[in-house]
Amino acid sequence: MNKSESIINNLLIEVDALSYRITNIHQTFLNTSHVGLRERLFYENINISQRLNEIFSIAKVLKDRNNEHISFSSLLVEKCERTIYKNKMKKNLFFLHPYFGAE
């Protein structure tokens, strides 16, 4: 495994972990009424979204540098796109839920 494949593998593992954390954040947000915890979850979700976008940018650069259509970098781009889309679908949860921002 060369260096770029190792980096891509580490980023794939990180995207999996971030995806899992997004799911946990949304489940916890639905199951708690603690305003402080909800606020922390909201900001953590923003930070995760920013990190996913950073990884996605890196993945696109790595994919563009590769001549092959099927590669680890293509897999990383696809996984990032799907995770970002999943997170966008769930983002409305923070703004539609009646307890967010209530005191």
PDB file of N, CA and C in Angstrom:
ATOM      1  N   MET A   1       0.854  -1.173   0.000  1.00  0.00           N
ATOM      2  CA  MET A   1       0.000   0.000   0.000  1.00  0.00           C
ATOM      3  C   MET A   1       0.894   1.228   0.000  1.00  0.00           C
ATOM      4  N   ASN A   2       0.685   2.099  -0.975  1.00  0.00           N
ATOM      5  CA  ASN A   2       1.508   3.310  -1.008  1.00  0.00           C
ATOM      6  C   ASN A   2       0.936   4.378  -0.087  1.00  0.00           C
ATOM      7  N   LYS A   3       1.644   5.492   0.010  1.00  0.00           N
ATOM      8  CA  LYS A   3       1.265   6.538   0.972  1.00  0.00           C
ATOM      9  C   LYS A   3      -0.123   7.103   0.708  1.00  0.00           C
ATOM     10  N   SER A   4      -0.468   7.344  -0.560  1.00  0.00           N
ATOM     11  CA  SER A   4      -1.778   7.941  -0.844  1.00  0.00           C
ATOM     12  C   SER A   4      -2.911   6.980  -0.496  1.00  0.00           C
ATOM     13  N   GLU A   5      -2.694   5.670  -0.718  1.00  0.00           N
ATOM     14  CA  GLU A   5      -3.727   4.701  -0.343  1.00  0.00           C
ATOM     15  C   GLU A   5      -3.895   4.638   1.167  1.00  0.00           C
ATOM     16  N   SER A   6      -2.800   4.784   1.890  1.00  0.00           N
ATOM     17  CA  SER A   6      -2.855   4.793   3.346  1.00  0.00           C
ATOM     18  C   SER A   6      -3.623   6.015   3.850  1.00  0.00           C
ATOM     19  N   ILE A   7      -3.368   7.163   3.253  1.00  0.00           N
ATOM     20  CA  ILE A   7      -4.081   8.390   3.627  1.00  0.00           C
ATOM     21  C   ILE A   7      -5.571   8.243   3.323  1.00  0.00           C
ATOM     22  N   ILE A   8      -5.872   7.725   2.148  1.00  0.00           N
ATOM     23  CA  ILE A   8      -7.275   7.534   1.758  1.00  0.00           C
ATOM     24  C   ILE A   8      -7.963   6.564   2.704  1.00  0.00           C
ATOM     25  N   ASN A   9      -7.264   5.484   3.072  1.00  0.00           N
ATOM     26  CA  ASN A   9      -7.841   4.515   4.005  1.00  0.00           C
ATOM     27  C   ASN A   9      -8.146   5.180   5.346  1.00  0.00           C
ATOM     28  N   ASN A  10      -7.228   6.007   5.842  1.00  0.00           N
ATOM     29  CA  ASN A  10      -7.464   6.717   7.103  1.00  0.00           C
ATOM     30  C   ASN A  10      -8.654   7.672   6.986  1.00  0.00           C
ATOM     31  N   LEU A  11      -8.781   8.338   5.852  1.00  0.00           N
ATOM     32  CA  LEU A  11      -9.915   9.247   5.650  1.00  0.00           C
ATOM     33  C   LEU A  11     -11.230   8.473   5.548  1.00  0.00           C
ATOM     34  N   LEU A  12     -11.201   7.292   4.929  1.00  0.00           N
ATOM     35  CA  LEU A  12     -12.406   6.455   4.867  1.00  0.00           C
ATOM     36  C   LEU A  12     -12.853   6.049   6.271  1.00  0.00           C
ATOM     37  N   ILE A  13     -11.898   5.696   7.098  1.00  0.00           N
ATOM     38  CA  ILE A  13     -12.212   5.338   8.484  1.00  0.00           C
ATOM     39  C   ILE A  13     -12.789   6.544   9.221  1.00  0.00           C
ATOM     40  N   GLU A  14     -12.222   7.715   8.992  1.00  0.00           N
ATOM     41  CA  GLU A  14     -12.726   8.928   9.649  1.00  0.00           C
ATOM     42  C   GLU A  14     -14.138   9.263   9.184  1.00  0.00           C
ATOM     43  N   VAL A  15     -14.420   9.114   7.890  1.00  0.00           N
ATOM     44  CA  VAL A  15     -15.765   9.389   7.376  1.00  0.00           C
ATOM     45  C   VAL A  15     -16.771   8.423   8.004  1.00  0.00           C
ATOM     46  N   ASP A  16     -16.385   7.156   8.155  1.00  0.00           N
ATOM     47  CA  ASP A  16     -17.264   6.192   8.826  1.00  0.00           C
ATOM     48  C   ASP A  16     -17.566   6.628  10.259  1.00  0.00           C
ATOM     49  N   ALA A  17     -16.525   7.047  10.969  1.00  0.00           N
ATOM     50  CA  ALA A  17     -16.702   7.483  12.358  1.00  0.00           C
ATOM     51  C   ALA A  17     -17.586   8.734  12.435  1.00  0.00           C
ATOM     52  N   LEU A  18     -17.371   9.675  11.527  1.00  0.00           N
ATOM     53  CA  LEU A  18     -18.193  10.893  11.515  1.00  0.00           C
ATOM     54  C   LEU A  18     -19.641  10.582  11.181  1.00  0.00           C
ATOM     55  N   SER A  19     -19.851   9.673  10.256  1.00  0.00           N
ATOM     56  CA  SER A  19     -21.207   9.266   9.887  1.00  0.00           C
ATOM     57  C   SER A  19     -21.922   8.639  11.084  1.00  0.00           C
ATOM     58  N   TYR A  20     -21.212   7.783  11.790  1.00  0.00           N
ATOM     59  CA  TYR A  20     -21.772   7.149  12.987  1.00  0.00           C
ATOM     60  C   TYR A  20     -22.096   8.205  14.048  1.00  0.00           C
ATOM     61  N   ARG A  21     -21.209   9.184  14.209  1.00  0.00           N
ATOM     62  CA  ARG A  21     -21.433  10.241  15.204  1.00  0.00           C
ATOM     63  C   ARG A  21     -22.628  11.110  14.828  1.00  0.00           C
ATOM     64  N   ILE A  22     -22.795  11.386  13.538  1.00  0.00           N
ATOM     65  CA  ILE A  22     -23.960  12.163  13.087  1.00  0.00           C
ATOM     66  C   ILE A  22     -25.249  11.457  13.478  1.00  0.00           C
ATOM     67  N   THR A  23     -25.294  10.151  13.256  1.00  0.00           N
ATOM     68  CA  THR A  23     -26.478   9.369  13.624  1.00  0.00           C
ATOM     69  C   THR A  23     -26.735   9.465  15.123  1.00  0.00           C
ATOM     70  N   ASN A  24     -25.675   9.338  15.931  1.00  0.00           N
ATOM     71  CA  ASN A  24     -25.831   9.433  17.387  1.00  0.00           C
ATOM     72  C   ASN A  24     -26.284  10.821  17.826  1.00  0.00           C
ATOM     73  N   ILE A  25     -25.753  11.851  17.197  1.00  0.00           N
ATOM     74  CA  ILE A  25     -26.152  13.219  17.534  1.00  0.00           C
ATOM     75  C   ILE A  25     -27.648  13.407  17.298  1.00  0.00           C
ATOM     76  N   HIS A  26     -28.117  12.970  16.159  1.00  0.00           N
ATOM     77  CA  HIS A  26     -29.531  13.165  15.835  1.00  0.00           C
ATOM     78  C   HIS A  26     -30.437  12.355  16.759  1.00  0.00           C
ATOM     79  N   GLN A  27     -30.036  11.141  17.107  1.00  0.00           N
ATOM     80  CA  GLN A  27     -30.837  10.342  18.027  1.00  0.00           C
ATOM     81  C   GLN A  27     -30.866  10.967  19.414  1.00  0.00           C
ATOM     82  N   THR A  28     -29.708  11.434  19.876  1.00  0.00           N
ATOM     83  CA  THR A  28     -29.632  12.066  21.190  1.00  0.00           C
ATOM     84  C   THR A  28     -30.437  13.357  21.214  1.00  0.00           C
ATOM     85  N   PHE A  29     -30.354  14.130  20.145  1.00  0.00           N
ATOM     86  CA  PHE A  29     -31.095  15.387  20.062  1.00  0.00           C
ATOM     87  C   PHE A  29     -32.594  15.141  20.207  1.00  0.00           C
ATOM     88  N   LEU A  30     -33.083  14.077  19.579  1.00  0.00           N
ATOM     89  CA  LEU A  30     -34.507  13.763  19.659  1.00  0.00           C
ATOM     90  C   LEU A  30     -34.924  13.294  21.044  1.00  0.00           C
ATOM     91  N   ASN A  31     -33.994  12.679  21.776  1.00  0.00           N
ATOM     92  CA  ASN A  31     -34.347  12.050  23.047  1.00  0.00           C
ATOM     93  C   ASN A  31     -34.041  12.890  24.279  1.00  0.00           C
ATOM     94  N   THR A  32     -33.580  14.108  24.108  1.00  0.00           N
ATOM     95  CA  THR A  32     -33.269  14.932  25.273  1.00  0.00           C
ATOM     96  C   THR A  32     -34.020  16.255  25.195  1.00  0.00           C
ATOM     97  N   SER A  33     -34.295  16.788  26.371  1.00  0.00           N
ATOM     98  CA  SER A  33     -34.909  18.117  26.421  1.00  0.00           C
ATOM     99  C   SER A  33     -33.967  19.115  27.098  1.00  0.00           C
ATOM    100  N   HIS A  34     -32.753  18.671  27.437  1.00  0.00           N
ATOM    101  CA  HIS A  34     -31.765  19.533  28.080  1.00  0.00           C
ATOM    102  C   HIS A  34     -31.225  20.539  27.055  1.00  0.00           C
ATOM    103  N   VAL A  35     -31.476  21.802  27.308  1.00  0.00           N
ATOM    104  CA  VAL A  35     -31.141  22.861  26.356  1.00  0.00           C
ATOM    105  C   VAL A  35     -29.627  22.955  26.129  1.00  0.00           C
ATOM    106  N   GLY A  36     -28.849  22.829  27.185  1.00  0.00           N
ATOM    107  CA  GLY A  36     -27.397  22.907  27.053  1.00  0.00           C
ATOM    108  C   GLY A  36     -26.835  21.788  26.190  1.00  0.00           C
ATOM    109  N   LEU A  37     -27.351  20.584  26.389  1.00  0.00           N
ATOM    110  CA  LEU A  37     -26.915  19.455  25.585  1.00  0.00           C
ATOM    111  C   LEU A  37     -27.328  19.639  24.125  1.00  0.00           C
ATOM    112  N   ARG A  38     -28.533  20.114  23.907  1.00  0.00           N
ATOM    113  CA  ARG A  38     -29.000  20.361  22.538  1.00  0.00           C
ATOM    114  C   ARG A  38     -28.114  21.377  21.820  1.00  0.00           C
ATOM    115  N   GLU A  39     -27.718  22.409  22.539  1.00  0.00           N
ATOM    116  CA  GLU A  39     -26.860  23.428  21.936  1.00  0.00           C
ATOM    117  C   GLU A  39     -25.498  22.835  21.583  1.00  0.00           C
ATOM    118  N   ARG A  40     -24.935  22.034  22.491  1.00  0.00           N
ATOM    119  CA  ARG A  40     -23.651  21.398  22.227  1.00  0.00           C
ATOM    120  C   ARG A  40     -23.746  20.460  21.023  1.00  0.00           C
ATOM    121  N   LEU A  41     -24.830  19.693  20.924  1.00  0.00           N
ATOM    122  CA  LEU A  41     -25.034  18.784  19.795  1.00  0.00           C
ATOM    123  C   LEU A  41     -25.164  19.559  18.478  1.00  0.00           C
ATOM    124  N   PHE A  42     -25.843  20.675  18.535  1.00  0.00           N
ATOM    125  CA  PHE A  42     -26.007  21.519  17.352  1.00  0.00           C
ATOM    126  C   PHE A  42     -24.649  21.972  16.822  1.00  0.00           C
ATOM    127  N   TYR A  43     -23.797  22.478  17.719  1.00  0.00           N
ATOM    128  CA  TYR A  43     -22.485  22.965  17.293  1.00  0.00           C
ATOM    129  C   TYR A  43     -21.546  21.829  16.903  1.00  0.00           C
ATOM    130  N   GLU A  44     -21.670  20.691  17.560  1.00  0.00           N
ATOM    131  CA  GLU A  44     -20.867  19.534  17.159  1.00  0.00           C
ATOM    132  C   GLU A  44     -21.249  19.080  15.752  1.00  0.00           C
ATOM    133  N   ASN A  45     -22.524  19.130  15.445  1.00  0.00           N
ATOM    134  CA  ASN A  45     -22.982  18.767  14.104  1.00  0.00           C
ATOM    135  C   ASN A  45     -22.403  19.717  13.050  1.00  0.00           C
ATOM    136  N   ILE A  46     -22.323  20.989  13.367  1.00  0.00           N
ATOM    137  CA  ILE A  46     -21.714  21.962  12.452  1.00  0.00           C
ATOM    138  C   ILE A  46     -20.238  21.631  12.236  1.00  0.00           C
ATOM    139  N   ASN A  47     -19.523  21.327  13.324  1.00  0.00           N
ATOM    140  CA  ASN A  47     -18.098  20.987  13.200  1.00  0.00           C
ATOM    141  C   ASN A  47     -17.887  19.728  12.363  1.00  0.00           C
ATOM    142  N   ILE A  48     -18.738  18.748  12.548  1.00  0.00           N
ATOM    143  CA  ILE A  48     -18.636  17.511  11.763  1.00  0.00           C
ATOM    144  C   ILE A  48     -18.904  17.805  10.289  1.00  0.00           C
ATOM    145  N   SER A  49     -19.883  18.643  10.018  1.00  0.00           N
ATOM    146  CA  SER A  49     -20.178  19.012   8.627  1.00  0.00           C
ATOM    147  C   SER A  49     -18.979  19.693   7.980  1.00  0.00           C
ATOM    148  N   GLN A  50     -18.319  20.574   8.704  1.00  0.00           N
ATOM    149  CA  GLN A  50     -17.135  21.249   8.178  1.00  0.00           C
ATOM    150  C   GLN A  50     -16.019  20.257   7.896  1.00  0.00           C
ATOM    151  N   ARG A  51     -15.809  19.308   8.800  1.00  0.00           N
ATOM    152  CA  ARG A  51     -14.762  18.306   8.594  1.00  0.00           C
ATOM    153  C   ARG A  51     -15.084  17.416   7.398  1.00  0.00           C
ATOM    154  N   LEU A  52     -16.345  17.036   7.236  1.00  0.00           N
ATOM    155  CA  LEU A  52     -16.740  16.230   6.082  1.00  0.00           C
ATOM    156  C   LEU A  52     -16.481  16.981   4.779  1.00  0.00           C
ATOM    157  N   ASN A  53     -16.759  18.260   4.765  1.00  0.00           N
ATOM    158  CA  ASN A  53     -16.491  19.061   3.568  1.00  0.00           C
ATOM    159  C   ASN A  53     -14.995  19.168   3.287  1.00  0.00           C
ATOM    160  N   GLU A  54     -14.177  19.256   4.335  1.00  0.00           N
ATOM    161  CA  GLU A  54     -12.725  19.266   4.150  1.00  0.00           C
ATOM    162  C   GLU A  54     -12.243  17.951   3.545  1.00  0.00           C
ATOM    163  N   ILE A  55     -12.723  16.842   4.088  1.00  0.00           N
ATOM    164  CA  ILE A  55     -12.338  15.531   3.570  1.00  0.00           C
ATOM    165  C   ILE A  55     -12.805  15.376   2.133  1.00  0.00           C
ATOM    166  N   PHE A  56     -14.006  15.860   1.844  1.00  0.00           N
ATOM    167  CA  PHE A  56     -14.540  15.780   0.485  1.00  0.00           C
ATOM    168  C   PHE A  56     -13.649  16.551  -0.496  1.00  0.00           C
ATOM    169  N   SER A  57     -13.180  17.723  -0.094  1.00  0.00           N
ATOM    170  CA  SER A  57     -12.274  18.514  -0.946  1.00  0.00           C
ATOM    171  C   SER A  57     -10.968  17.766  -1.201  1.00  0.00           C
ATOM    172  N   ILE A  58     -10.424  17.167  -0.161  1.00  0.00           N
ATOM    173  CA  ILE A  58      -9.197  16.382  -0.296  1.00  0.00           C
ATOM    174  C   ILE A  58      -9.444  15.191  -1.222  1.00  0.00           C
ATOM    175  N   ALA A  59     -10.572  14.541  -1.041  1.00  0.00           N
ATOM    176  CA  ALA A  59     -10.903  13.361  -1.847  1.00  0.00           C
ATOM    177  C   ALA A  59     -11.018  13.721  -3.326  1.00  0.00           C
ATOM    178  N   LYS A  60     -11.609  14.869  -3.622  1.00  0.00           N
ATOM    179  CA  LYS A  60     -11.733  15.278  -5.025  1.00  0.00           C
ATOM    180  C   LYS A  60     -10.360  15.526  -5.649  1.00  0.00           C
ATOM    181  N   VAL A  61      -9.457  16.141  -4.892  1.00  0.00           N
ATOM    182  CA  VAL A  61      -8.104  16.379  -5.396  1.00  0.00           C
ATOM    183  C   VAL A  61      -7.398  15.054  -5.657  1.00  0.00           C
ATOM    184  N   LEU A  62      -7.507  14.126  -4.711  1.00  0.00           N
ATOM    185  CA  LEU A  62      -6.870  12.822  -4.881  1.00  0.00           C
ATOM    186  C   LEU A  62      -7.458  12.054  -6.065  1.00  0.00           C
ATOM    187  N   LYS A  63      -8.764  12.171  -6.241  1.00  0.00           N
ATOM    188  CA  LYS A  63      -9.407  11.484  -7.360  1.00  0.00           C
ATOM    189  C   LYS A  63      -8.963  12.086  -8.696  1.00  0.00           C
ATOM    190  N   ASP A  64      -8.855  13.399  -8.754  1.00  0.00           N
ATOM    191  CA  ASP A  64      -8.434  14.070  -9.987  1.00  0.00           C
ATOM    192  C   ASP A  64      -6.993  13.721 -10.369  1.00  0.00           C
ATOM    193  N   ARG A  65      -6.173  13.413  -9.376  1.00  0.00           N
ATOM    194  CA  ARG A  65      -4.775  13.054  -9.644  1.00  0.00           C
ATOM    195  C   ARG A  65      -4.633  11.614 -10.109  1.00  0.00           C
ATOM    196  N   ASN A  66      -5.716  10.833  -9.972  1.00  0.00           N
ATOM    197  CA  ASN A  66      -5.673   9.419 -10.321  1.00  0.00           C
ATOM    198  C   ASN A  66      -6.273   9.208 -11.710  1.00  0.00           C
ATOM    199  N   ASN A  67      -5.663   8.362 -12.503  1.00  0.00           N
ATOM    200  CA  ASN A  67      -6.143   8.095 -13.859  1.00  0.00           C
ATOM    201  C   ASN A  67      -7.275   7.074 -13.898  1.00  0.00           C
ATOM    202  N   GLU A  68      -7.379   6.228 -12.890  1.00  0.00           N
ATOM    203  CA  GLU A  68      -8.352   5.143 -12.888  1.00  0.00           C
ATOM    204  C   GLU A  68      -9.733   5.642 -12.474  1.00  0.00           C
ATOM    205  N   HIS A  69     -10.766   5.024 -13.050  1.00  0.00           N
ATOM    206  CA  HIS A  69     -12.141   5.391 -12.692  1.00  0.00           C
ATOM    207  C   HIS A  69     -12.569   4.701 -11.397  1.00  0.00           C
ATOM    208  N   ILE A  70     -12.044   3.510 -11.175  1.00  0.00           N
ATOM    209  CA  ILE A  70     -12.362   2.777  -9.951  1.00  0.00           C
ATOM    210  C   ILE A  70     -11.106   2.758  -9.092  1.00  0.00           C
ATOM    211  N   SER A  71     -11.207   3.419  -7.930  1.00  0.00           N
ATOM    212  CA  SER A  71     -10.045   3.515  -7.051  1.00  0.00           C
ATOM    213  C   SER A  71     -10.512   3.835  -5.638  1.00  0.00           C
ATOM    214  N   PHE A  72      -9.565   3.791  -4.705  1.00  0.00           N
ATOM    215  CA  PHE A  72      -9.885   4.170  -3.328  1.00  0.00           C
ATOM    216  C   PHE A  72     -10.339   5.623  -3.251  1.00  0.00           C
ATOM    217  N   SER A  73      -9.736   6.487  -4.043  1.00  0.00           N
ATOM    218  CA  SER A  73     -10.117   7.902  -3.994  1.00  0.00           C
ATOM    219  C   SER A  73     -11.539   8.100  -4.511  1.00  0.00           C
ATOM    220  N   SER A  74     -11.946   7.319  -5.510  1.00  0.00           N
ATOM    221  CA  SER A  74     -13.332   7.388  -5.998  1.00  0.00           C
ATOM    222  C   SER A  74     -14.303   6.925  -4.919  1.00  0.00           C
ATOM    223  N   LEU A  75     -13.900   5.877  -4.212  1.00  0.00           N
ATOM    224  CA  LEU A  75     -14.725   5.378  -3.106  1.00  0.00           C
ATOM    225  C   LEU A  75     -14.856   6.431  -2.017  1.00  0.00           C
ATOM    226  N   LEU A  76     -13.756   7.105  -1.709  1.00  0.00           N
ATOM    227  CA  LEU A  76     -13.783   8.148  -0.687  1.00  0.00           C
ATOM    228  C   LEU A  76     -14.696   9.297  -1.096  1.00  0.00           C
ATOM    229  N   VAL A  77     -14.633   9.716  -2.357  1.00  0.00           N
ATOM    230  CA  VAL A  77     -15.505  10.790  -2.850  1.00  0.00           C
ATOM    231  C   VAL A  77     -16.967  10.368  -2.714  1.00  0.00           C
ATOM    232  N   GLU A  78     -17.280   9.158  -3.132  1.00  0.00           N
ATOM    233  CA  GLU A  78     -18.663   8.665  -3.063  1.00  0.00           C
ATOM    234  C   GLU A  78     -19.149   8.585  -1.622  1.00  0.00           C
ATOM    235  N   LYS A  79     -18.307   8.077  -0.740  1.00  0.00           N
ATOM    236  CA  LYS A  79     -18.700   7.943   0.664  1.00  0.00           C
ATOM    237  C   LYS A  79     -18.927   9.322   1.295  1.00  0.00           C
ATOM    238  N   CYS A  80     -18.072  10.284   0.970  1.00  0.00           N
ATOM    239  CA  CYS A  80     -18.241  11.653   1.479  1.00  0.00           C
ATOM    240  C   CYS A  80     -19.541  12.263   0.963  1.00  0.00           C
ATOM    241  N   GLU A  81     -19.801  12.108  -0.331  1.00  0.00           N
ATOM    242  CA  GLU A  81     -21.034  12.664  -0.908  1.00  0.00           C
ATOM    243  C   GLU A  81     -22.261  12.100  -0.209  1.00  0.00           C
ATOM    244  N   ARG A  82     -22.278  10.805   0.006  1.00  0.00           N
ATOM    245  CA  ARG A  82     -23.436  10.172   0.653  1.00  0.00           C
ATOM    246  C   ARG A  82     -23.596  10.613   2.102  1.00  0.00           C
ATOM    247  N   THR A  83     -22.485  10.735   2.822  1.00  0.00           N
ATOM    248  CA  THR A  83     -22.558  11.152   4.220  1.00  0.00           C
ATOM    249  C   THR A  83     -22.995  12.613   4.334  1.00  0.00           C
ATOM    250  N   ILE A  84     -22.480  13.469   3.468  1.00  0.00           N
ATOM    251  CA  ILE A  84     -22.882  14.876   3.467  1.00  0.00           C
ATOM    252  C   ILE A  84     -24.368  14.992   3.134  1.00  0.00           C
ATOM    253  N   TYR A  85     -24.831  14.218   2.162  1.00  0.00           N
ATOM    254  CA  TYR A  85     -26.248  14.245   1.791  1.00  0.00           C
ATOM    255  C   TYR A  85     -27.113  13.776   2.959  1.00  0.00           C
ATOM    256  N   LYS A  86     -26.687  12.703   3.623  1.00  0.00           N
ATOM    257  CA  LYS A  86     -27.434  12.179   4.775  1.00  0.00           C
ATOM    258  C   LYS A  86     -27.528  13.237   5.874  1.00  0.00           C
ATOM    259  N   ASN A  87     -26.426  13.937   6.104  1.00  0.00           N
ATOM    260  CA  ASN A  87     -26.419  14.966   7.143  1.00  0.00           C
ATOM    261  C   ASN A  87     -27.317  16.140   6.760  1.00  0.00           C
ATOM    262  N   LYS A  88     -27.329  16.523   5.493  1.00  0.00           N
ATOM    263  CA  LYS A  88     -28.201  17.617   5.058  1.00  0.00           C
ATOM    264  C   LYS A  88     -29.670  17.245   5.214  1.00  0.00           C
ATOM    265  N   MET A  89     -29.988  15.983   4.979  1.00  0.00           N
ATOM    266  CA  MET A  89     -31.373  15.533   5.119  1.00  0.00           C
ATOM    267  C   MET A  89     -31.828  15.654   6.570  1.00  0.00           C
ATOM    268  N   LYS A  90     -30.921  15.437   7.504  1.00  0.00           N
ATOM    269  CA  LYS A  90     -31.267  15.450   8.921  1.00  0.00           C
ATOM    270  C   LYS A  90     -31.100  16.821   9.556  1.00  0.00           C
ATOM    271  N   LYS A  91     -30.492  17.781   8.858  1.00  0.00           N
ATOM    272  CA  LYS A  91     -30.242  19.101   9.441  1.00  0.00           C
ATOM    273  C   LYS A  91     -31.524  19.809   9.858  1.00  0.00           C
ATOM    274  N   ASN A  92     -32.592  19.585   9.144  1.00  0.00           N
ATOM    275  CA  ASN A  92     -33.850  20.243   9.486  1.00  0.00           C
ATOM    276  C   ASN A  92     -34.328  19.872  10.877  1.00  0.00           C
ATOM    277  N   LEU A  93     -33.859  18.756  11.391  1.00  0.00           N
ATOM    278  CA  LEU A  93     -34.227  18.321  12.724  1.00  0.00           C
ATOM    279  C   LEU A  93     -33.934  19.411  13.752  1.00  0.00           C
ATOM    280  N   PHE A  94     -32.808  20.088  13.610  1.00  0.00           N
ATOM    281  CA  PHE A  94     -32.412  21.092  14.593  1.00  0.00           C
ATOM    282  C   PHE A  94     -33.308  22.329  14.551  1.00  0.00           C
ATOM    283  N   PHE A  95     -33.876  22.612  13.407  1.00  0.00           N
ATOM    284  CA  PHE A  95     -34.665  23.831  13.276  1.00  0.00           C
ATOM    285  C   PHE A  95     -36.163  23.593  13.418  1.00  0.00           C
ATOM    286  N   LEU A  96     -36.590  22.363  13.268  1.00  0.00           N
ATOM    287  CA  LEU A  96     -38.010  22.058  13.329  1.00  0.00           C
ATOM    288  C   LEU A  96     -38.454  21.560  14.694  1.00  0.00           C
ATOM    289  N   HIS A  97     -37.524  21.136  15.516  1.00  0.00           N
ATOM    290  CA  HIS A  97     -37.892  20.560  16.785  1.00  0.00           C
ATOM    291  C   HIS A  97     -38.322  21.642  17.764  1.00  0.00           C
ATOM    292  N   PRO A  98     -39.466  21.462  18.459  1.00  0.00           N
ATOM    293  CA  PRO A  98     -40.023  22.518  19.314  1.00  0.00           C
ATOM    294  C   PRO A  98     -39.186  22.834  20.550  1.00  0.00           C
ATOM    295  N   TYR A  99     -38.314  21.944  21.002  1.00  0.00           N
ATOM    296  CA  TYR A  99     -37.563  22.197  22.243  1.00  0.00           C
ATOM    297  C   TYR A  99     -36.275  22.952  22.011  1.00  0.00           C
ATOM    298  N   PHE A 100     -35.798  23.048  20.786  1.00  0.00           N
ATOM    299  CA  PHE A 100     -34.524  23.715  20.563  1.00  0.00           C
ATOM    300  C   PHE A 100     -34.678  25.210  20.804  1.00  0.00           C
ATOM    301  N   GLY A 101     -33.819  25.724  21.652  1.00  0.00           N
ATOM    302  CA  GLY A 101     -33.839  27.158  21.953  1.00  0.00           C
ATOM    303  C   GLY A 101     -34.813  27.524  23.048  1.00  0.00           C
ATOM    304  N   ALA A 102     -35.634  26.583  23.510  1.00  0.00           N
ATOM    305  CA  ALA A 102     -36.583  26.891  24.584  1.00  0.00           C
ATOM    306  C   ALA A 102     -35.849  26.960  25.912  1.00  0.00           C
ATOM    307  N   GLU A 103     -36.340  27.770  26.786  1.00  0.00           N
ATOM    308  CA  GLU A 103     -35.694  27.890  28.108  1.00  0.00           C
ATOM    309  C   GLU A 103     -36.632  27.421  29.189  1.00  0.00           C
TER     310      GLU A 103
END
